C-alpha atoms as a PDB file:
ATOM      1  CA  MET A   1       0.000   0.000   0.000  1.00  0.00           C
ATOM      2  CA  ARG A   2       2.850   2.384   0.848  1.00  0.00           C
ATOM      3  CA  GLU A   3       4.322   1.854  -2.636  1.00  0.00           C
ATOM      4  CA  ARG A   4       0.951   2.547  -4.272  1.00  0.00           C
ATOM      5  CA  VAL A   5       0.474   5.797  -2.337  1.00  0.00           C
ATOM      6  CA  LEU A   6       4.035   6.964  -3.003  1.00  0.00           C
ATOM      7  CA  SER A   7       3.757   6.182  -6.717  1.00  0.00           C
ATOM      8  CA  ALA A   8       0.472   8.069  -6.972  1.00  0.00           C
ATOM      9  CA  PHE A   9       1.962  11.004  -5.014  1.00  0.00           C
ATOM     10  CA  LEU A  10       4.820  11.250  -7.523  1.00  0.00           C
ATOM     11  CA  LEU A  11       2.878  10.551 -10.715  1.00  0.00           C
ATOM     12  CA  VAL A  12      -0.241  12.680 -10.251  1.00  0.00           C
ATOM     13  CA  PRO A  13       1.617  16.043 -10.335  1.00  0.00           C
ATOM     14  CA  VAL A  14       3.504  14.954 -13.459  1.00  0.00           C
ATOM     15  CA  VAL A  15       0.345  13.865 -15.280  1.00  0.00           C
ATOM     16  CA  ALA A  16      -1.527  16.984 -14.167  1.00  0.00           C
ATOM     17  CA  GLY A  17       1.350  19.213 -15.245  1.00  0.00           C
ATOM     18  CA  VAL A  18       1.524  17.688 -18.711  1.00  0.00           C
ATOM     19  CA  PHE A  19      -2.249  17.973 -19.076  1.00  0.00           C
ATOM     20  CA  LEU A  20      -2.229  21.633 -18.078  1.00  0.00           C
ATOM     21  CA  ALA A  21       0.684  22.340 -20.436  1.00  0.00           C
ATOM     22  CA  GLY A  22      -1.431  21.151 -23.362  1.00  0.00           C
ATOM     23  CA  MET A  23      -0.065  20.686 -26.855  1.00  0.00           C
ATOM     24  CA  PRO A  24       2.561  19.761 -27.929  1.00  0.00           C
ATOM     25  CA  TRP A  25       3.647  18.372 -24.561  1.00  0.00           C
ATOM     26  CA  LEU A  26       0.493  16.361 -24.049  1.00  0.00           C
ATOM     27  CA  ALA A  27       0.883  14.613 -27.403  1.00  0.00           C
ATOM     28  CA  LEU A  28       4.553  13.914 -26.674  1.00  0.00           C
ATOM     29  CA  GLY A  29       3.528  12.446 -23.326  1.00  0.00           C
ATOM     30  CA  VAL A  30       1.047  10.133 -25.035  1.00  0.00           C
ATOM     31  CA  ALA A  31       3.775   9.070 -27.475  1.00  0.00           C
ATOM     32  CA  ILE A  32       6.054   8.166 -24.569  1.00  0.00           C
ATOM     33  CA  LEU A  33       3.242   6.176 -22.948  1.00  0.00           C
ATOM     34  CA  ALA A  34       2.700   4.323 -26.247  1.00  0.00           C
ATOM     35  CA  ALA A  35       6.385   3.408 -26.432  1.00  0.00           C
ATOM     36  CA  LEU A  36       6.505   2.193 -22.820  1.00  0.00           C
ATOM     37  CA  ALA A  37       3.268   0.232 -23.217  1.00  0.00           C
ATOM     38  CA  GLY A  38       4.639  -1.240 -26.450  1.00  0.00           C
ATOM     39  CA  ILE A  39       7.805  -2.422 -24.702  1.00  0.00           C
ATOM     40  CA  GLU A  40       5.736  -4.212 -22.071  1.00  0.00           C
ATOM     41  CA  LEU A  41       3.444  -5.649 -24.721  1.00  0.00           C
ATOM     42  CA  VAL A  42       6.370  -7.144 -26.643  1.00  0.00           C
ATOM     43  CA  ARG A  43       7.479  -8.964 -23.492  1.00  0.00           C
ATOM     44  CA  LEU A  44       3.958 -10.258 -22.831  1.00  0.00           C
ATOM     45  CA  VAL A  45       3.471 -11.390 -26.430  1.00  0.00           C
ATOM     46  CA  ARG A  46       6.742 -13.287 -26.355  1.00  0.00           C
ATOM     47  CA  ALA A  47       5.841 -14.930 -23.042  1.00  0.00           C
ATOM     48  CA  ALA A  48       2.451 -15.896 -24.515  1.00  0.00           C
ATOM     49  CA  GLY A  49       4.075 -17.912 -27.300  1.00  0.00           C
ATOM     50  CA  LEU A  50       4.360 -15.426 -30.142  1.00  0.00           C
ATOM     51  CA  ASP A  51       7.513 -13.626 -31.169  1.00  0.00           C
ATOM     52  CA  ALA A  52       7.876  -9.946 -31.953  1.00  0.00           C
ATOM     53  CA  PRO A  53      10.809  -7.724 -32.929  1.00  0.00           C
ATOM     54  CA  GLY A  54      11.388  -5.116 -30.237  1.00  0.00           C
ATOM     55  CA  TRP A  55      10.937  -2.191 -32.630  1.00  0.00           C
ATOM     56  CA  THR A  56       7.308  -3.124 -33.282  1.00  0.00           C
ATOM     57  CA  GLY A  57       6.431  -1.897 -29.810  1.00  0.00           C
ATOM     58  CA  THR A  58       9.034   0.803 -29.203  1.00  0.00           C
ATOM     59  CA  VAL A  59       9.057   2.602 -32.577  1.00  0.00           C
ATOM     60  CA  VAL A  60       5.784   2.167 -34.463  1.00  0.00           C
ATOM     61  CA  PRO A  61       3.188   3.075 -31.776  1.00  0.00           C
ATOM     62  CA  PRO A  62       4.788   6.421 -30.788  1.00  0.00           C
ATOM     63  CA  LEU A  63       5.240   7.300 -34.470  1.00  0.00           C
ATOM     64  CA  VAL A  64       1.532   6.685 -35.062  1.00  0.00           C
ATOM     65  CA  VAL A  65       0.684   8.915 -32.090  1.00  0.00           C
ATOM     66  CA  LEU A  66       2.926  11.702 -33.400  1.00  0.00           C
ATOM     67  CA  ALA A  67       1.488  11.368 -36.918  1.00  0.00           C
ATOM     68  CA  VAL A  68      -2.062  11.772 -35.618  1.00  0.00           C
ATOM     69  CA  ALA A  69      -1.079  14.709 -33.403  1.00  0.00           C
ATOM     70  CA  PHE A  70       1.174  16.681 -35.735  1.00  0.00           C
ATOM     71  CA  LEU A  71       0.117  15.646 -39.238  1.00  0.00           C
ATOM     72  CA  PRO A  72      -3.681  15.991 -38.988  1.00  0.00           C
ATOM     73  CA  GLN A  73      -3.924  17.227 -42.578  1.00  0.00           C
ATOM     74  CA  VAL A  74      -2.372  13.946 -43.766  1.00  0.00           C
ATOM     75  CA  ALA A  75      -5.086  11.633 -42.498  1.00  0.00           C
ATOM     76  CA  ILE A  76      -3.470   8.639 -44.172  1.00  0.00           C
ATOM     77  CA  ALA A  77      -0.130   9.095 -42.372  1.00  0.00           C
ATOM     78  CA  PRO A  78      -0.912   6.711 -39.438  1.00  0.00           C
ATOM     79  CA  PHE A  79      -2.032   4.032 -41.897  1.00  0.00           C
ATOM     80  CA  LEU A  80       1.173   4.433 -43.916  1.00  0.00           C
ATOM     81  CA  ILE A  81       3.284   4.005 -40.776  1.00  0.00           C
ATOM     82  CA  LEU A  82       1.409   0.833 -39.813  1.00  0.00           C
ATOM     83  CA  ALA A  83       1.647  -0.444 -43.381  1.00  0.00           C
ATOM     84  CA  ALA A  84       5.401   0.176 -43.477  1.00  0.00           C
ATOM     85  CA  GLY A  85       5.784  -1.556 -40.115  1.00  0.00           C
ATOM     86  CA  THR A  86       3.765  -4.551 -41.291  1.00  0.00           C
ATOM     87  CA  ILE A  87       5.866  -4.899 -44.450  1.00  0.00           C
ATOM     88  CA  ALA A  88       9.094  -4.571 -42.448  1.00  0.00           C
ATOM     89  CA  GLY A  89       7.812  -7.192 -40.020  1.00  0.00           C
ATOM     90  CA  ALA A  90       7.078  -9.584 -42.864  1.00  0.00           C
ATOM     91  CA  LEU A  91      10.542  -9.083 -44.367  1.00  0.00           C
ATOM     92  CA  ALA A  92      12.119  -9.750 -40.964  1.00  0.00           C
ATOM     93  CA  ALA A  93      10.005 -12.898 -40.575  1.00  0.00           C
ATOM     94  CA  PHE A  94      11.313 -14.268 -43.899  1.00  0.00           C
ATOM     95  CA  ARG A  95      14.707 -14.840 -42.256  1.00  0.00           C
ATOM     96  CA  HIS A  96      13.404 -17.598 -39.963  1.00  0.00           C
ATOM     97  CA  PRO A  97      14.361 -21.050 -41.312  1.00  0.00           C
ATOM     98  CA  ASP A  98      11.145 -22.537 -39.932  1.00  0.00           C
ATOM     99  CA  PRO A  99       8.028 -20.970 -41.546  1.00  0.00           C
ATOM    100  CA  ARG A 100       6.094 -21.469 -38.303  1.00  0.00           C
ATOM    101  CA  ASP A 101       8.648 -19.393 -36.393  1.00  0.00           C
ATOM    102  CA  GLY A 102       8.462 -16.764 -39.103  1.00  0.00           C
ATOM    103  CA  TRP A 103       4.668 -16.662 -38.874  1.00  0.00           C
ATOM    104  CA  LEU A 104       4.751 -16.322 -35.071  1.00  0.00           C
ATOM    105  CA  ALA A 105       7.171 -13.400 -35.386  1.00  0.00           C
ATOM    106  CA  PHE A 106       5.041 -11.781 -38.090  1.00  0.00           C
ATOM    107  CA  ALA A 107       1.821 -12.209 -36.100  1.00  0.00           C
ATOM    108  CA  GLY A 108       3.425 -11.020 -32.878  1.00  0.00           C
ATOM    109  CA  GLY A 109       4.718  -7.913 -34.602  1.00  0.00           C
ATOM    110  CA  ILE A 110       1.290  -7.038 -35.991  1.00  0.00           C
ATOM    111  CA  VAL A 111      -0.325  -7.492 -32.569  1.00  0.00           C
ATOM    112  CA  THR A 112       2.203  -5.294 -30.769  1.00  0.00           C
ATOM    113  CA  MET A 113       2.120  -2.568 -33.418  1.00  0.00           C
ATOM    114  CA  SER A 114      -1.640  -2.315 -33.791  1.00  0.00           C
ATOM    115  CA  TYR A 115      -2.579  -2.813 -30.126  1.00  0.00           C
ATOM    116  CA  ALA A 116      -0.228  -0.240 -28.631  1.00  0.00           C
ATOM    117  CA  SER A 117      -0.943   2.186 -31.490  1.00  0.00           C
ATOM    118  CA  LEU A 118      -4.553   2.454 -30.323  1.00  0.00           C
ATOM    119  CA  LEU A 119      -3.307   5.066 -27.856  1.00  0.00           C
ATOM    120  CA  ALA A 120      -3.044   7.375 -30.873  1.00  0.00           C
ATOM    121  CA  ALA A 121      -6.780   7.909 -30.435  1.00  0.00           C
ATOM    122  CA  LEU A 122      -5.925  10.108 -27.444  1.00  0.00           C
ATOM    123  CA  ALA A 123      -4.023  12.385 -29.817  1.00  0.00           C
ATOM    124  CA  GLY A 124      -6.929  12.188 -32.251  1.00  0.00           C
ATOM    125  CA  ILE A 125      -9.285  13.501 -29.580  1.00  0.00           C
ATOM    126  CA  LEU A 126      -6.861  16.338 -28.820  1.00  0.00           C
ATOM    127  CA  VAL A 127      -6.714  17.600 -32.397  1.00  0.00           C
ATOM    128  CA  ALA A 128     -10.158  16.696 -33.733  1.00  0.00           C
ATOM    129  CA  ALA A 129     -12.594  17.338 -30.900  1.00  0.00           C
ATOM    130  CA  PRO A 130     -15.565  19.579 -31.775  1.00  0.00           C
ATOM    131  CA  ALA A 131     -15.641  23.076 -30.330  1.00  0.00           C
ATOM    132  CA  VAL A 132     -17.086  23.611 -26.870  1.00  0.00           C
ATOM    133  CA  PRO A 133     -20.052  25.993 -27.347  1.00  0.00           C
ATOM    134  CA  GLU A 134     -20.012  29.406 -25.731  1.00  0.00           C
ATOM    135  CA  GLY A 135     -21.919  29.328 -22.485  1.00  0.00           C
ATOM    136  CA  ALA A 136     -20.879  25.755 -21.639  1.00  0.00           C
ATOM    137  CA  PRO A 137     -19.170  25.605 -18.227  1.00  0.00           C
ATOM    138  CA  LEU A 138     -15.899  24.290 -19.697  1.00  0.00           C
ATOM    139  CA  HIS A 139     -15.802  26.740 -22.639  1.00  0.00           C
ATOM    140  CA  ALA A 140     -13.554  29.269 -20.919  1.00  0.00           C
ATOM    141  CA  VAL A 141     -11.607  26.682 -18.938  1.00  0.00           C
ATOM    142  CA  LEU A 142     -10.172  24.218 -21.464  1.00  0.00           C
ATOM    143  CA  ASP A 143      -9.698  23.925 -25.198  1.00  0.00           C
ATOM    144  CA  PRO A 144     -11.981  21.353 -26.894  1.00  0.00           C
ATOM    145  CA  GLY A 145      -9.365  18.598 -27.085  1.00  0.00           C
ATOM    146  CA  ARG A 146      -8.469  18.708 -23.415  1.00  0.00           C
ATOM    147  CA  ALA A 147     -12.115  19.127 -22.387  1.00  0.00           C
ATOM    148  CA  TRP A 148     -13.102  15.900 -24.157  1.00  0.00           C
ATOM    149  CA  LEU A 149      -9.936  14.161 -22.979  1.00  0.00           C
ATOM    150  CA  LEU A 150     -10.777  15.099 -19.390  1.00  0.00           C
ATOM    151  CA  ALA A 151     -14.283  13.741 -19.899  1.00  0.00           C
ATOM    152  CA  LEU A 152     -12.835  10.459 -21.171  1.00  0.00           C
ATOM    153  CA  VAL A 153     -10.516  10.130 -18.181  1.00  0.00           C
ATOM    154  CA  LEU A 154     -13.215  10.946 -15.626  1.00  0.00           C
ATOM    155  CA  VAL A 155     -15.711   8.501 -17.136  1.00  0.00           C
ATOM    156  CA  VAL A 156     -13.133   5.690 -17.264  1.00  0.00           C
ATOM    157  CA  TRP A 157     -12.019   6.357 -13.700  1.00  0.00           C
ATOM    158  CA  GLY A 158     -15.631   6.590 -12.564  1.00  0.00           C
ATOM    159  CA  PHE A 159     -16.464   3.288 -14.232  1.00  0.00           C
ATOM    160  CA  ASP A 160     -13.437   1.540 -12.704  1.00  0.00           C
ATOM    161  CA  THR A 161     -14.079   2.955  -9.224  1.00  0.00           C
ATOM    162  CA  PHE A 162     -17.760   2.079  -9.029  1.00  0.00           C
ATOM    163  CA  ALA A 163     -17.253  -1.299 -10.709  1.00  0.00           C
ATOM    164  CA  TYR A 164     -14.757  -2.119  -7.970  1.00  0.00           C
ATOM    165  CA  LEU A 165     -16.936  -0.797  -5.134  1.00  0.00           C
ATOM    166  CA  VAL A 166     -20.159  -2.439  -6.312  1.00  0.00           C
ATOM    167  CA  GLY A 167     -18.344  -5.659  -7.173  1.00  0.00           C
ATOM    168  CA  ARG A 168     -16.818  -5.831  -3.702  1.00  0.00           C
ATOM    169  CA  THR A 169     -20.119  -4.958  -1.985  1.00  0.00           C
ATOM    170  CA  VAL A 170     -22.547  -7.073  -4.005  1.00  0.00           C
ATOM    171  CA  GLY A 171     -20.283  -9.578  -5.707  1.00  0.00           C
ATOM    172  CA  ARG A 172     -22.966 -11.325  -7.747  1.00  0.00           C
ATOM    173  CA  GLY A 173     -22.451 -13.180 -11.035  1.00  0.00           C
ATOM    174  CA  ARG A 174     -18.975 -13.966 -12.282  1.00  0.00           C
ATOM    175  CA  PHE A 175     -18.041 -12.021 -15.410  1.00  0.00           C
ATOM    176  CA  LEU A 176     -15.651 -13.747 -17.851  1.00  0.00           C
ATOM    177  CA  ASN A 177     -14.293 -15.820 -14.999  1.00  0.00           C
ATOM    178  CA  HIS A 178     -11.855 -17.693 -17.275  1.00  0.00           C
ATOM    179  CA  ILE A 179     -10.026 -14.440 -18.052  1.00  0.00           C
ATOM    180  CA  SER A 180     -10.498 -12.191 -15.015  1.00  0.00           C
ATOM    181  CA  PRO A 181     -11.788 -14.138 -11.993  1.00  0.00           C
ATOM    182  CA  LYS A 182     -12.332 -11.104  -9.743  1.00  0.00           C
ATOM    183  CA  LYS A 183     -14.800  -9.335 -12.051  1.00  0.00           C
ATOM    184  CA  THR A 184     -18.561  -9.662 -11.516  1.00  0.00           C
ATOM    185  CA  TRP A 185     -21.673  -8.704 -13.454  1.00  0.00           C
ATOM    186  CA  SER A 186     -22.791  -6.588 -10.520  1.00  0.00           C
ATOM    187  CA  GLY A 187     -19.554  -4.636 -10.747  1.00  0.00           C
ATOM    188  CA  VAL A 188     -19.902  -4.166 -14.500  1.00  0.00           C
ATOM    189  CA  ILE A 189     -23.488  -2.936 -14.135  1.00  0.00           C
ATOM    190  CA  GLY A 190     -22.549  -0.596 -11.273  1.00  0.00           C
ATOM    191  CA  GLY A 191     -19.674   0.809 -13.289  1.00  0.00           C
ATOM    192  CA  ALA A 192     -21.876   1.269 -16.353  1.00  0.00           C
ATOM    193  CA  VAL A 193     -24.493   3.179 -14.357  1.00  0.00           C
ATOM    194  CA  ALA A 194     -21.770   5.439 -12.947  1.00  0.00           C
ATOM    195  CA  ALA A 195     -20.339   5.997 -16.438  1.00  0.00           C
ATOM    196  CA  VAL A 196     -23.758   7.047 -17.753  1.00  0.00           C
ATOM    197  CA  VAL A 197     -24.336   9.486 -14.877  1.00  0.00           C
ATOM    198  CA  ILE A 198     -20.842  10.971 -15.072  1.00  0.00           C
ATOM    199  CA  GLY A 199     -21.079  11.129 -18.870  1.00  0.00           C
ATOM    200  CA  ALA A 200     -24.397  12.991 -18.682  1.00  0.00           C
ATOM    201  CA  ALA A 201     -22.935  15.555 -16.281  1.00  0.00           C
ATOM    202  CA  LEU A 202     -19.848  16.043 -18.423  1.00  0.00           C
ATOM    203  CA  GLY A 203     -21.960  16.223 -21.588  1.00  0.00           C
ATOM    204  CA  TRP A 204     -23.771  19.168 -20.020  1.00  0.00           C
ATOM    205  CA  ALA A 205     -20.468  20.765 -18.911  1.00  0.00           C
ATOM    206  CA  ILE A 206     -18.976  20.473 -22.410  1.00  0.00           C
ATOM    207  CA  GLY A 207     -22.148  21.655 -24.137  1.00  0.00           C
ATOM    208  CA  ALA A 208     -22.948  18.429 -25.951  1.00  0.00           C
ATOM    209  CA  GLY A 209     -26.033  17.866 -23.811  1.00  0.00           C
ATOM    210  CA  PRO A 210     -26.814  15.333 -21.060  1.00  0.00           C
ATOM    211  CA  LEU A 211     -28.314  12.753 -23.431  1.00  0.00           C
ATOM    212  CA  ALA A 212     -25.309  12.749 -25.765  1.00  0.00           C
ATOM    213  CA  GLY A 213     -23.051  12.645 -22.716  1.00  0.00           C
ATOM    214  CA  ALA A 214     -24.945   9.692 -21.254  1.00  0.00           C
ATOM    215  CA  VAL A 215     -24.641   7.750 -24.517  1.00  0.00           C
ATOM    216  CA  ALA A 216     -20.950   8.569 -24.724  1.00  0.00           C
ATOM    217  CA  GLY A 217     -20.536   7.548 -21.092  1.00  0.00           C
ATOM    218  CA  LEU A 218     -22.116   4.160 -21.717  1.00  0.00           C
ATOM    219  CA  VAL A 219     -19.964   3.548 -24.816  1.00  0.00           C
ATOM    220  CA  ILE A 220     -16.822   4.626 -22.975  1.00  0.00           C
ATOM    221  CA  GLY A 221     -17.657   2.453 -19.975  1.00  0.00           C
ATOM    222  CA  VAL A 222     -18.330  -0.676 -22.026  1.00  0.00           C
ATOM    223  CA  THR A 223     -15.236  -0.266 -24.194  1.00  0.00           C
ATOM    224  CA  ALA A 224     -13.070   0.583 -21.180  1.00  0.00           C
ATOM    225  CA  GLN A 225     -14.134  -2.709 -19.585  1.00  0.00           C
ATOM    226  CA  ALA A 226     -13.390  -4.514 -22.850  1.00  0.00           C
ATOM    227  CA  GLY A 227      -9.924  -2.947 -22.927  1.00  0.00           C
ATOM    228  CA  ASP A 228      -9.251  -4.059 -19.376  1.00  0.00           C
ATOM    229  CA  VAL A 229     -10.357  -7.617 -20.125  1.00  0.00           C
ATOM    230  CA  ALA A 230      -8.326  -7.702 -23.351  1.00  0.00           C
ATOM    231  CA  GLU A 231      -5.154  -6.861 -21.445  1.00  0.00           C
ATOM    232  CA  SER A 232      -6.051  -9.479 -18.835  1.00  0.00           C
ATOM    233  CA  LEU A 233      -6.343 -11.993 -21.677  1.00  0.00           C
ATOM    234  CA  VAL A 234      -2.816 -11.170 -22.832  1.00  0.00           C
ATOM    235  CA  LYS A 235      -1.418 -11.378 -19.301  1.00  0.00           C
ATOM    236  CA  ARG A 236      -3.185 -14.657 -18.587  1.00  0.00           C
ATOM    237  CA  ALA A 237      -1.818 -16.143 -21.803  1.00  0.00           C
ATOM    238  CA  ALA A 238       1.644 -14.936 -20.786  1.00  0.00           C
ATOM    239  CA  GLY A 239       1.293 -16.197 -17.204  1.00  0.00           C
ATOM    240  CA  ALA A 240       1.933 -12.693 -15.841  1.00  0.00           C
ATOM    241  CA  LYS A 241       0.224 -10.853 -12.995  1.00  0.00           C
ATOM    242  CA  ASP A 242       1.233  -7.382 -14.194  1.00  0.00           C
ATOM    243  CA  SER A 243       2.449  -6.017 -17.508  1.00  0.00           C
ATOM    244  CA  GLY A 244       5.581  -4.640 -15.851  1.00  0.00           C
ATOM    245  CA  THR A 245       7.132  -3.177 -12.706  1.00  0.00           C
ATOM    246  CA  LEU A 246       7.725   0.402 -13.797  1.00  0.00           C
ATOM    247  CA  ILE A 247       5.153   1.819 -11.340  1.00  0.00           C
ATOM    248  CA  PRO A 248       5.737   0.292  -7.870  1.00  0.00           C
ATOM    249  CA  GLY A 249       2.512  -1.021  -6.397  1.00  0.00           C
ATOM    250  CA  HIS A 250       0.600  -0.418  -9.645  1.00  0.00           C
ATOM    251  CA  GLY A 251       2.319  -2.711 -12.160  1.00  0.00           C
ATOM    252  CA  GLY A 252       3.287  -1.455 -15.580  1.00  0.00           C
ATOM    253  CA  ILE A 253       2.234   1.303 -17.948  1.00  0.00           C
ATOM    254  CA  LEU A 254       0.018  -1.082 -19.914  1.00  0.00           C
ATOM    255  CA  ASP A 255      -1.844  -1.902 -16.700  1.00  0.00           C
ATOM    256  CA  ARG A 256      -2.647   1.815 -16.273  1.00  0.00           C
ATOM    257  CA  VAL A 257      -3.715   2.541 -19.859  1.00  0.00           C
ATOM    258  CA  ASP A 258      -5.449  -0.715 -20.820  1.00  0.00           C
ATOM    259  CA  SER A 259      -8.954   0.754 -20.514  1.00  0.00           C
ATOM    260  CA  PHE A 260      -8.041   3.702 -22.734  1.00  0.00           C
ATOM    261  CA  LEU A 261      -6.766   1.451 -25.526  1.00  0.00           C
ATOM    262  CA  PHE A 262     -10.387   0.706 -26.469  1.00  0.00           C
ATOM    263  CA  ALA A 263     -12.255   3.604 -24.837  1.00  0.00           C
ATOM    264  CA  ALA A 264     -10.256   6.358 -26.564  1.00  0.00           C
ATOM    265  CA  PRO A 265     -10.893   5.043 -30.113  1.00  0.00           C
ATOM    266  CA  ALA A 266     -14.578   4.604 -29.227  1.00  0.00           C
ATOM    267  CA  LEU A 267     -14.888   8.242 -28.135  1.00  0.00           C
ATOM    268  CA  TRP A 268     -12.906   9.409 -31.165  1.00  0.00           C
ATOM    269  CA  ILE A 269     -15.339   7.561 -33.434  1.00  0.00           C
ATOM    270  CA  LEU A 270     -18.306   9.164 -31.661  1.00  0.00           C
ATOM    271  CA  LEU A 271     -16.778  12.624 -32.070  1.00  0.00           C
ATOM    272  CA  VAL A 272     -16.116  12.064 -35.773  1.00  0.00           C
ATOM    273  CA  LEU A 273     -19.658  10.761 -36.291  1.00  0.00           C
ATOM    274  CA  GLN A 274     -21.093  13.884 -34.701  1.00  0.00           C
ATOM    275  CA  GLY A 275     -19.135  16.094 -37.069  1.00  0.00           C
ATOM    276  CA  ALA A 276     -15.704  16.619 -35.582  1.00  0.00           C
ATOM    277  CA  PRO A 277     -13.352  17.911 -38.295  1.00  0.00           C
ATOM    278  CA  TRP A 278     -11.038  15.136 -39.476  1.00  0.00           C
ATOM    279  CA  PRO A 279      -8.666  15.808 -41.084  1.00  0.00           C
ATOM    280  CA  VAL A 280      -8.255  19.207 -39.474  1.00  0.00           C
ATOM    281  CA  ALA A 281      -7.947  22.130 -41.821  1.00  0.00           C
ATOM    282  CA  GLY A 282      -5.424  24.876 -41.388  1.00  0.00           C
END
């Protein structure tokens, strides 16, 4: 517990400072997170029976994040980076004498590249979020990207917190017990209700409206849970309790961002569907 408190005491000011600094520091921070998560993912993938060149986790994901953040006019840039990485991974796999080993390396590289690169959606929200209307409580406080990013973080944290509390209190109905034995349906439902309520409040604060916020909250909550379970699947296959040891008492970076790997793309899609400008002009 002491390690967890100390880690949080040291990390929270850093995260808050980067968030308040805004662009470009926030995008660079996300790129660093993508690289660190990619490093951990490569280790997990290898332990789970696949192979993966180290560069697939350390190089490609942060490049995709930076492309989304700083080349918004070139909407195809992230795809081109992933395509180049996939081709390079295939060429590297050709060197294996055993085709099965080559396939495992090729597949492992694709998994590590694409999975960790999902964090680029955080950068997408930063640069492509719709404007916060005048009169909305957050209009004069934050720019649109950080306002929506804050909403994402608060909904995910709210879902996780209430899922834990309700799950511990009620504890009814095992949820995907073969992957994550401690999760329960009661916890998932409690977290989803909290995500809807928090989303509605934040929808009002951003000016999107309570109904739109509630829908976004539900989508974020469900996809955040899916992201958490997906990382648990990888860890269980690898026989690992945590993705790493970088954060004492909390595990690795991937353990901290797993929910956002699915929730951030889901919110980005919702924002684009409601008319967010992508690619950004200017």
